[in-house]
């Protein structure tokens, strides 16, 4: 279980990095009024894929018995982040002319929820974690 915990803990940095990169790219696209192309889908998919993997690892930890009351708030915040990201990215993809606004909002809201979820368990997004 220690390896799973360390994987879950370490993956958060990739999730946050992918989110910040996507957020900056989407903000630049919005500011320059560019048309959304393949990079929007790739960055959105990379972010949501890492987020899904993070949730899967977290659910594995819960299934293996790593549970305390603060995990409930953490779990809810992370699931909300994943759901809203999936929904907004799919809505954007289904539009006749996909844009940058919905992906920007999807990642921004997700990052806020992720940071809130990390704080729910008494940690900061960039603090080191104790071993399991």
N, C-alpha and C. Protein backbone atom coordinates (compact mmCIF):
# COMPACT_ATOMS: atom_id res chain seq x y z
N UNK A 1 0.83 -1.19 0.00
CA UNK A 1 0.00 0.00 0.00
C UNK A 1 0.87 1.25 0.00
N UNK A 2 2.07 1.17 0.54
CA UNK A 2 2.95 2.34 0.57
C UNK A 2 3.29 2.82 -0.84
N UNK A 3 3.54 1.89 -1.76
CA UNK A 3 3.85 2.28 -3.14
C UNK A 3 2.65 2.96 -3.79
N UNK A 4 1.45 2.45 -3.52
CA UNK A 4 0.24 3.07 -4.07
C UNK A 4 0.06 4.47 -3.51
N UNK A 5 0.29 4.63 -2.21
CA UNK A 5 0.18 5.94 -1.58
C UNK A 5 1.19 6.92 -2.17
N UNK A 6 2.43 6.47 -2.34
CA UNK A 6 3.46 7.35 -2.89
C UNK A 6 3.16 7.71 -4.35
N UNK A 7 2.61 6.75 -5.10
CA UNK A 7 2.22 7.04 -6.48
C UNK A 7 1.11 8.08 -6.52
N UNK A 8 0.11 7.89 -5.67
CA UNK A 8 -1.00 8.84 -5.61
C UNK A 8 -0.50 10.23 -5.19
N UNK A 9 0.37 10.24 -4.22
CA UNK A 9 0.89 11.50 -3.71
C UNK A 9 1.76 12.21 -4.75
N UNK A 10 2.59 11.47 -5.45
CA UNK A 10 3.48 12.05 -6.44
C UNK A 10 2.78 12.48 -7.72
N UNK A 11 1.74 11.74 -8.09
CA UNK A 11 1.02 12.05 -9.33
C UNK A 11 0.34 13.42 -9.27
N UNK A 12 0.05 13.89 -8.07
CA UNK A 12 -0.61 15.19 -7.96
C UNK A 12 0.20 16.30 -8.61
N UNK A 13 1.54 16.17 -8.57
CA UNK A 13 2.38 17.19 -9.19
C UNK A 13 2.20 17.20 -10.71
N UNK A 14 2.07 16.02 -11.31
CA UNK A 14 1.81 15.96 -12.75
C UNK A 14 0.43 16.51 -13.09
N UNK A 15 -0.55 16.20 -12.25
CA UNK A 15 -1.90 16.72 -12.48
C UNK A 15 -1.89 18.24 -12.41
N UNK A 16 -1.25 18.78 -11.38
CA UNK A 16 -1.19 20.24 -11.24
C UNK A 16 -0.39 20.88 -12.38
N UNK A 17 0.72 20.27 -12.76
CA UNK A 17 1.53 20.80 -13.87
C UNK A 17 0.74 20.79 -15.18
N UNK A 18 0.09 19.67 -15.47
CA UNK A 18 -0.72 19.59 -16.70
C UNK A 18 -1.85 20.62 -16.66
N UNK A 19 -2.44 20.82 -15.50
CA UNK A 19 -3.51 21.81 -15.37
C UNK A 19 -3.02 23.22 -15.60
N UNK A 20 -1.88 23.56 -15.04
CA UNK A 20 -1.33 24.91 -15.22
C UNK A 20 -0.93 25.14 -16.68
N UNK A 21 -0.31 24.16 -17.30
CA UNK A 21 0.08 24.29 -18.71
C UNK A 21 -1.16 24.48 -19.58
N UNK A 22 -2.18 23.66 -19.35
CA UNK A 22 -3.42 23.79 -20.13
C UNK A 22 -4.08 25.14 -19.87
N UNK A 23 -4.12 25.55 -18.62
CA UNK A 23 -4.75 26.83 -18.27
C UNK A 23 -4.06 27.99 -18.98
N UNK A 24 -2.74 28.00 -18.99
CA UNK A 24 -1.99 29.07 -19.66
C UNK A 24 -2.25 29.04 -21.17
N UNK A 25 -2.22 27.85 -21.76
CA UNK A 25 -2.46 27.73 -23.21
C UNK A 25 -3.87 28.22 -23.56
N UNK A 26 -4.86 27.81 -22.77
CA UNK A 26 -6.24 28.23 -23.04
C UNK A 26 -6.41 29.73 -22.82
N UNK A 27 -5.74 30.28 -21.83
CA UNK A 27 -5.83 31.73 -21.58
C UNK A 27 -5.22 32.51 -22.74
N UNK A 28 -4.10 32.04 -23.25
CA UNK A 28 -3.46 32.70 -24.40
C UNK A 28 -4.37 32.61 -25.62
N UNK A 29 -4.97 31.44 -25.84
CA UNK A 29 -5.90 31.27 -26.96
C UNK A 29 -7.10 32.20 -26.85
N UNK A 30 -7.62 32.35 -25.63
CA UNK A 30 -8.73 33.27 -25.41
C UNK A 30 -8.31 34.71 -25.68
N UNK A 31 -7.17 35.09 -25.14
CA UNK A 31 -6.70 36.47 -25.27
C UNK A 31 -6.42 36.84 -26.73
N UNK A 32 -5.90 35.89 -27.49
CA UNK A 32 -5.55 36.17 -28.88
C UNK A 32 -6.70 35.87 -29.84
N UNK A 33 -7.82 35.41 -29.28
CA UNK A 33 -9.01 35.09 -30.08
C UNK A 33 -8.68 34.12 -31.22
N UNK A 34 -7.88 33.13 -30.91
CA UNK A 34 -7.52 32.11 -31.90
C UNK A 34 -8.66 31.09 -32.02
N UNK A 35 -8.63 30.32 -33.09
CA UNK A 35 -9.58 29.22 -33.22
C UNK A 35 -8.96 27.99 -32.56
N UNK A 36 -9.82 27.26 -31.87
CA UNK A 36 -9.35 26.08 -31.14
C UNK A 36 -9.08 24.96 -32.13
N UNK A 37 -7.97 24.30 -31.94
CA UNK A 37 -7.59 23.20 -32.81
C UNK A 37 -7.27 21.96 -32.00
N UNK A 38 -6.49 21.10 -32.59
CA UNK A 38 -6.14 19.83 -31.97
C UNK A 38 -5.42 19.99 -30.63
N UNK A 39 -4.54 20.99 -30.45
CA UNK A 39 -3.87 21.13 -29.15
C UNK A 39 -4.84 21.31 -27.98
N UNK A 40 -5.99 21.92 -28.21
CA UNK A 40 -6.98 22.09 -27.15
C UNK A 40 -7.47 20.72 -26.69
N UNK A 41 -7.77 19.85 -27.64
CA UNK A 41 -8.23 18.49 -27.30
C UNK A 41 -7.13 17.70 -26.62
N UNK A 42 -5.90 17.83 -27.11
CA UNK A 42 -4.79 17.07 -26.54
C UNK A 42 -4.50 17.51 -25.11
N UNK A 43 -4.42 18.81 -24.88
CA UNK A 43 -4.16 19.30 -23.53
C UNK A 43 -5.30 18.97 -22.57
N UNK A 44 -6.53 19.12 -23.03
CA UNK A 44 -7.67 18.77 -22.20
C UNK A 44 -7.70 17.29 -21.88
N UNK A 45 -7.42 16.46 -22.86
CA UNK A 45 -7.40 15.01 -22.65
C UNK A 45 -6.27 14.58 -21.73
N UNK A 46 -5.11 15.20 -21.88
CA UNK A 46 -3.98 14.87 -21.01
C UNK A 46 -4.31 15.21 -19.56
N UNK A 47 -4.88 16.39 -19.35
CA UNK A 47 -5.23 16.80 -17.99
C UNK A 47 -6.28 15.88 -17.39
N UNK A 48 -7.35 15.62 -18.13
CA UNK A 48 -8.43 14.80 -17.58
C UNK A 48 -7.96 13.35 -17.42
N UNK A 49 -7.09 12.88 -18.28
CA UNK A 49 -6.56 11.52 -18.14
C UNK A 49 -5.72 11.36 -16.88
N UNK A 50 -4.85 12.34 -16.62
CA UNK A 50 -4.06 12.30 -15.39
C UNK A 50 -4.97 12.42 -14.16
N UNK A 51 -5.98 13.25 -14.25
CA UNK A 51 -6.91 13.41 -13.15
C UNK A 51 -7.66 12.10 -12.89
N UNK A 52 -8.10 11.43 -13.95
CA UNK A 52 -8.77 10.14 -13.80
C UNK A 52 -7.86 9.09 -13.17
N UNK A 53 -6.61 9.06 -13.60
CA UNK A 53 -5.65 8.12 -13.01
C UNK A 53 -5.45 8.42 -11.53
N UNK A 54 -5.37 9.69 -11.19
CA UNK A 54 -5.21 10.10 -9.80
C UNK A 54 -6.40 9.63 -8.96
N UNK A 55 -7.59 9.77 -9.49
CA UNK A 55 -8.79 9.32 -8.77
C UNK A 55 -8.80 7.81 -8.64
N UNK A 56 -8.40 7.11 -9.67
CA UNK A 56 -8.34 5.65 -9.61
C UNK A 56 -7.38 5.19 -8.51
N UNK A 57 -6.21 5.81 -8.45
CA UNK A 57 -5.25 5.47 -7.39
C UNK A 57 -5.83 5.80 -6.01
N UNK A 58 -6.51 6.93 -5.90
CA UNK A 58 -7.11 7.30 -4.63
C UNK A 58 -8.21 6.34 -4.20
N UNK A 59 -9.03 5.91 -5.15
CA UNK A 59 -10.06 4.93 -4.82
C UNK A 59 -9.44 3.60 -4.42
N UNK A 60 -8.31 3.26 -5.02
CA UNK A 60 -7.57 2.06 -4.62
C UNK A 60 -7.10 2.16 -3.18
N UNK A 61 -6.63 3.33 -2.80
CA UNK A 61 -6.21 3.53 -1.41
C UNK A 61 -7.39 3.38 -0.45
N UNK A 62 -8.52 3.95 -0.82
CA UNK A 62 -9.71 3.84 0.03
C UNK A 62 -10.14 2.37 0.13
N UNK A 63 -10.12 1.66 -0.99
CA UNK A 63 -10.52 0.25 -1.00
C UNK A 63 -9.58 -0.60 -0.14
N UNK A 64 -8.33 -0.17 -0.03
CA UNK A 64 -7.36 -0.92 0.76
C UNK A 64 -7.35 -0.50 2.23
N UNK A 65 -8.27 0.37 2.61
CA UNK A 65 -8.43 0.70 4.01
C UNK A 65 -7.81 2.00 4.47
N UNK A 66 -7.29 2.78 3.59
CA UNK A 66 -6.72 4.07 4.00
C UNK A 66 -7.86 5.09 4.06
N UNK A 67 -8.50 5.17 5.19
CA UNK A 67 -9.67 6.02 5.35
C UNK A 67 -9.63 6.70 6.70
N UNK A 68 -9.92 7.97 6.71
CA UNK A 68 -10.16 8.74 7.92
C UNK A 68 -11.16 9.82 7.52
N UNK A 69 -11.84 10.44 8.49
CA UNK A 69 -12.97 11.33 8.15
C UNK A 69 -12.67 12.42 7.12
N UNK A 70 -11.49 13.00 7.14
CA UNK A 70 -11.19 14.08 6.19
C UNK A 70 -11.14 13.58 4.74
N UNK A 71 -10.96 12.28 4.55
CA UNK A 71 -10.89 11.74 3.20
C UNK A 71 -12.23 11.90 2.48
N UNK A 72 -13.33 11.94 3.23
CA UNK A 72 -14.65 12.11 2.60
C UNK A 72 -14.71 13.42 1.83
N UNK A 73 -14.29 14.52 2.45
CA UNK A 73 -14.28 15.81 1.76
C UNK A 73 -13.31 15.82 0.59
N UNK A 74 -12.16 15.19 0.78
CA UNK A 74 -11.16 15.08 -0.28
C UNK A 74 -11.74 14.34 -1.48
N UNK A 75 -12.37 13.23 -1.21
CA UNK A 75 -12.94 12.40 -2.27
C UNK A 75 -14.04 13.13 -3.04
N UNK A 76 -14.92 13.81 -2.32
CA UNK A 76 -16.00 14.56 -2.96
C UNK A 76 -15.45 15.66 -3.85
N UNK A 77 -14.48 16.41 -3.34
CA UNK A 77 -13.89 17.51 -4.14
C UNK A 77 -13.23 16.98 -5.41
N UNK A 78 -12.51 15.89 -5.30
CA UNK A 78 -11.81 15.33 -6.46
C UNK A 78 -12.79 14.77 -7.48
N UNK A 79 -13.83 14.09 -7.01
CA UNK A 79 -14.83 13.58 -7.94
C UNK A 79 -15.56 14.71 -8.65
N UNK A 80 -15.88 15.77 -7.93
CA UNK A 80 -16.50 16.95 -8.56
C UNK A 80 -15.57 17.55 -9.62
N UNK A 81 -14.29 17.62 -9.31
CA UNK A 81 -13.32 18.17 -10.27
C UNK A 81 -13.32 17.34 -11.56
N UNK A 82 -13.32 16.02 -11.41
CA UNK A 82 -13.28 15.15 -12.59
C UNK A 82 -14.58 15.25 -13.39
N UNK A 83 -15.70 15.24 -12.70
CA UNK A 83 -16.99 15.28 -13.41
C UNK A 83 -17.16 16.59 -14.17
N UNK A 84 -16.89 17.71 -13.51
CA UNK A 84 -17.09 18.99 -14.20
C UNK A 84 -16.11 19.14 -15.36
N UNK A 85 -14.91 18.62 -15.21
CA UNK A 85 -13.94 18.70 -16.31
C UNK A 85 -14.40 17.88 -17.51
N UNK A 86 -14.82 16.65 -17.24
CA UNK A 86 -15.32 15.80 -18.32
C UNK A 86 -16.50 16.47 -19.03
N UNK A 87 -17.45 16.97 -18.26
CA UNK A 87 -18.66 17.56 -18.85
C UNK A 87 -18.32 18.76 -19.72
N UNK A 88 -17.54 19.70 -19.19
CA UNK A 88 -17.24 20.91 -19.96
C UNK A 88 -16.40 20.61 -21.20
N UNK A 89 -15.47 19.67 -21.10
CA UNK A 89 -14.66 19.34 -22.28
C UNK A 89 -15.48 18.63 -23.35
N UNK A 90 -16.41 17.77 -22.93
CA UNK A 90 -17.28 17.10 -23.91
C UNK A 90 -18.22 18.10 -24.56
N UNK A 91 -18.80 19.00 -23.77
CA UNK A 91 -19.68 20.03 -24.34
C UNK A 91 -18.92 20.86 -25.36
N UNK A 92 -17.68 21.23 -25.03
CA UNK A 92 -16.88 22.03 -25.97
C UNK A 92 -16.59 21.24 -27.24
N UNK A 93 -16.28 19.97 -27.10
CA UNK A 93 -15.95 19.13 -28.26
C UNK A 93 -17.15 18.96 -29.18
N UNK A 94 -18.37 18.93 -28.60
CA UNK A 94 -19.58 18.72 -29.40
C UNK A 94 -20.07 20.00 -30.10
N UNK A 95 -19.52 21.12 -29.73
CA UNK A 95 -19.94 22.38 -30.36
C UNK A 95 -19.50 22.40 -31.83
N UNK A 96 -20.28 23.09 -32.65
CA UNK A 96 -19.88 23.21 -34.06
C UNK A 96 -18.52 23.91 -34.21
N UNK A 97 -18.27 24.88 -33.37
CA UNK A 97 -16.99 25.61 -33.39
C UNK A 97 -16.42 25.59 -31.96
N UNK A 98 -15.64 24.53 -31.61
CA UNK A 98 -15.06 24.49 -30.26
C UNK A 98 -14.20 25.71 -30.00
N UNK A 99 -14.18 26.13 -28.76
CA UNK A 99 -13.42 27.32 -28.41
C UNK A 99 -12.48 27.07 -27.25
N UNK A 100 -12.00 28.15 -26.67
CA UNK A 100 -11.07 28.08 -25.56
C UNK A 100 -11.74 28.34 -24.21
N UNK A 101 -12.91 28.96 -24.22
CA UNK A 101 -13.53 29.36 -22.96
C UNK A 101 -13.92 28.17 -22.09
N UNK A 102 -14.64 27.20 -22.64
CA UNK A 102 -15.06 26.06 -21.83
C UNK A 102 -13.88 25.24 -21.32
N UNK A 103 -12.87 24.94 -22.14
CA UNK A 103 -11.71 24.24 -21.59
C UNK A 103 -11.00 25.05 -20.50
N UNK A 104 -10.91 26.37 -20.70
CA UNK A 104 -10.29 27.22 -19.69
C UNK A 104 -11.05 27.12 -18.37
N UNK A 105 -12.39 27.25 -18.44
CA UNK A 105 -13.20 27.16 -17.23
C UNK A 105 -13.13 25.76 -16.62
N UNK A 106 -13.11 24.73 -17.46
CA UNK A 106 -13.03 23.35 -16.95
C UNK A 106 -11.77 23.15 -16.12
N UNK A 107 -10.64 23.59 -16.64
CA UNK A 107 -9.37 23.40 -15.94
C UNK A 107 -9.28 24.32 -14.73
N UNK A 108 -9.73 25.55 -14.86
CA UNK A 108 -9.68 26.49 -13.74
C UNK A 108 -10.52 25.99 -12.56
N UNK A 109 -11.74 25.59 -12.83
CA UNK A 109 -12.62 25.08 -11.77
C UNK A 109 -12.03 23.81 -11.16
N UNK A 110 -11.51 22.93 -12.03
CA UNK A 110 -10.91 21.69 -11.53
C UNK A 110 -9.72 21.98 -10.62
N UNK A 111 -8.86 22.91 -11.01
CA UNK A 111 -7.70 23.23 -10.19
C UNK A 111 -8.11 23.80 -8.83
N UNK A 112 -9.14 24.63 -8.83
CA UNK A 112 -9.63 25.17 -7.55
C UNK A 112 -10.17 24.04 -6.68
N UNK A 113 -10.94 23.12 -7.27
CA UNK A 113 -11.47 21.99 -6.51
C UNK A 113 -10.36 21.06 -6.03
N UNK A 114 -9.35 20.86 -6.86
CA UNK A 114 -8.23 19.99 -6.49
C UNK A 114 -7.47 20.58 -5.30
N UNK A 115 -7.16 21.86 -5.38
CA UNK A 115 -6.45 22.50 -4.26
C UNK A 115 -7.31 22.45 -3.00
N UNK A 116 -8.62 22.68 -3.13
CA UNK A 116 -9.52 22.55 -1.99
C UNK A 116 -9.54 21.14 -1.44
N UNK A 117 -9.53 20.15 -2.32
CA UNK A 117 -9.52 18.76 -1.89
C UNK A 117 -8.23 18.38 -1.19
N UNK A 118 -7.12 18.93 -1.65
CA UNK A 118 -5.84 18.67 -0.98
C UNK A 118 -5.84 19.29 0.40
N UNK A 119 -6.38 20.49 0.51
CA UNK A 119 -6.46 21.15 1.81
C UNK A 119 -7.44 20.43 2.74
N UNK A 120 -8.43 19.74 2.18
CA UNK A 120 -9.41 19.03 3.00
C UNK A 120 -8.75 17.93 3.84
N UNK A 121 -7.63 17.40 3.37
CA UNK A 121 -6.93 16.38 4.14
C UNK A 121 -5.75 16.97 4.91
N UNK A 122 -5.72 18.29 4.99
CA UNK A 122 -4.71 18.93 5.82
C UNK A 122 -3.34 19.08 5.18
N UNK A 123 -3.30 19.07 3.87
CA UNK A 123 -2.02 19.24 3.17
C UNK A 123 -2.13 20.42 2.22
N UNK A 124 -0.98 20.86 1.75
CA UNK A 124 -0.93 21.87 0.72
C UNK A 124 -0.58 21.20 -0.59
N UNK A 125 -0.87 21.84 -1.72
CA UNK A 125 -0.61 21.21 -3.01
C UNK A 125 0.88 20.94 -3.26
N UNK A 126 1.76 21.66 -2.59
CA UNK A 126 3.19 21.48 -2.85
C UNK A 126 3.96 21.08 -1.59
N UNK A 127 3.28 20.52 -0.60
CA UNK A 127 3.97 20.06 0.59
C UNK A 127 4.28 18.58 0.46
N UNK A 128 5.34 18.18 1.07
CA UNK A 128 5.73 16.77 1.06
C UNK A 128 4.80 16.01 1.99
N UNK A 129 4.56 14.76 1.68
CA UNK A 129 3.67 13.93 2.49
C UNK A 129 4.46 12.95 3.32
N UNK A 130 3.91 12.59 4.44
CA UNK A 130 4.52 11.55 5.26
C UNK A 130 4.25 10.20 4.62
N UNK A 131 5.07 9.24 4.90
CA UNK A 131 4.86 7.92 4.32
C UNK A 131 3.66 7.25 4.98
N UNK A 132 3.09 6.31 4.27
CA UNK A 132 1.86 5.64 4.72
C UNK A 132 2.10 4.77 5.93
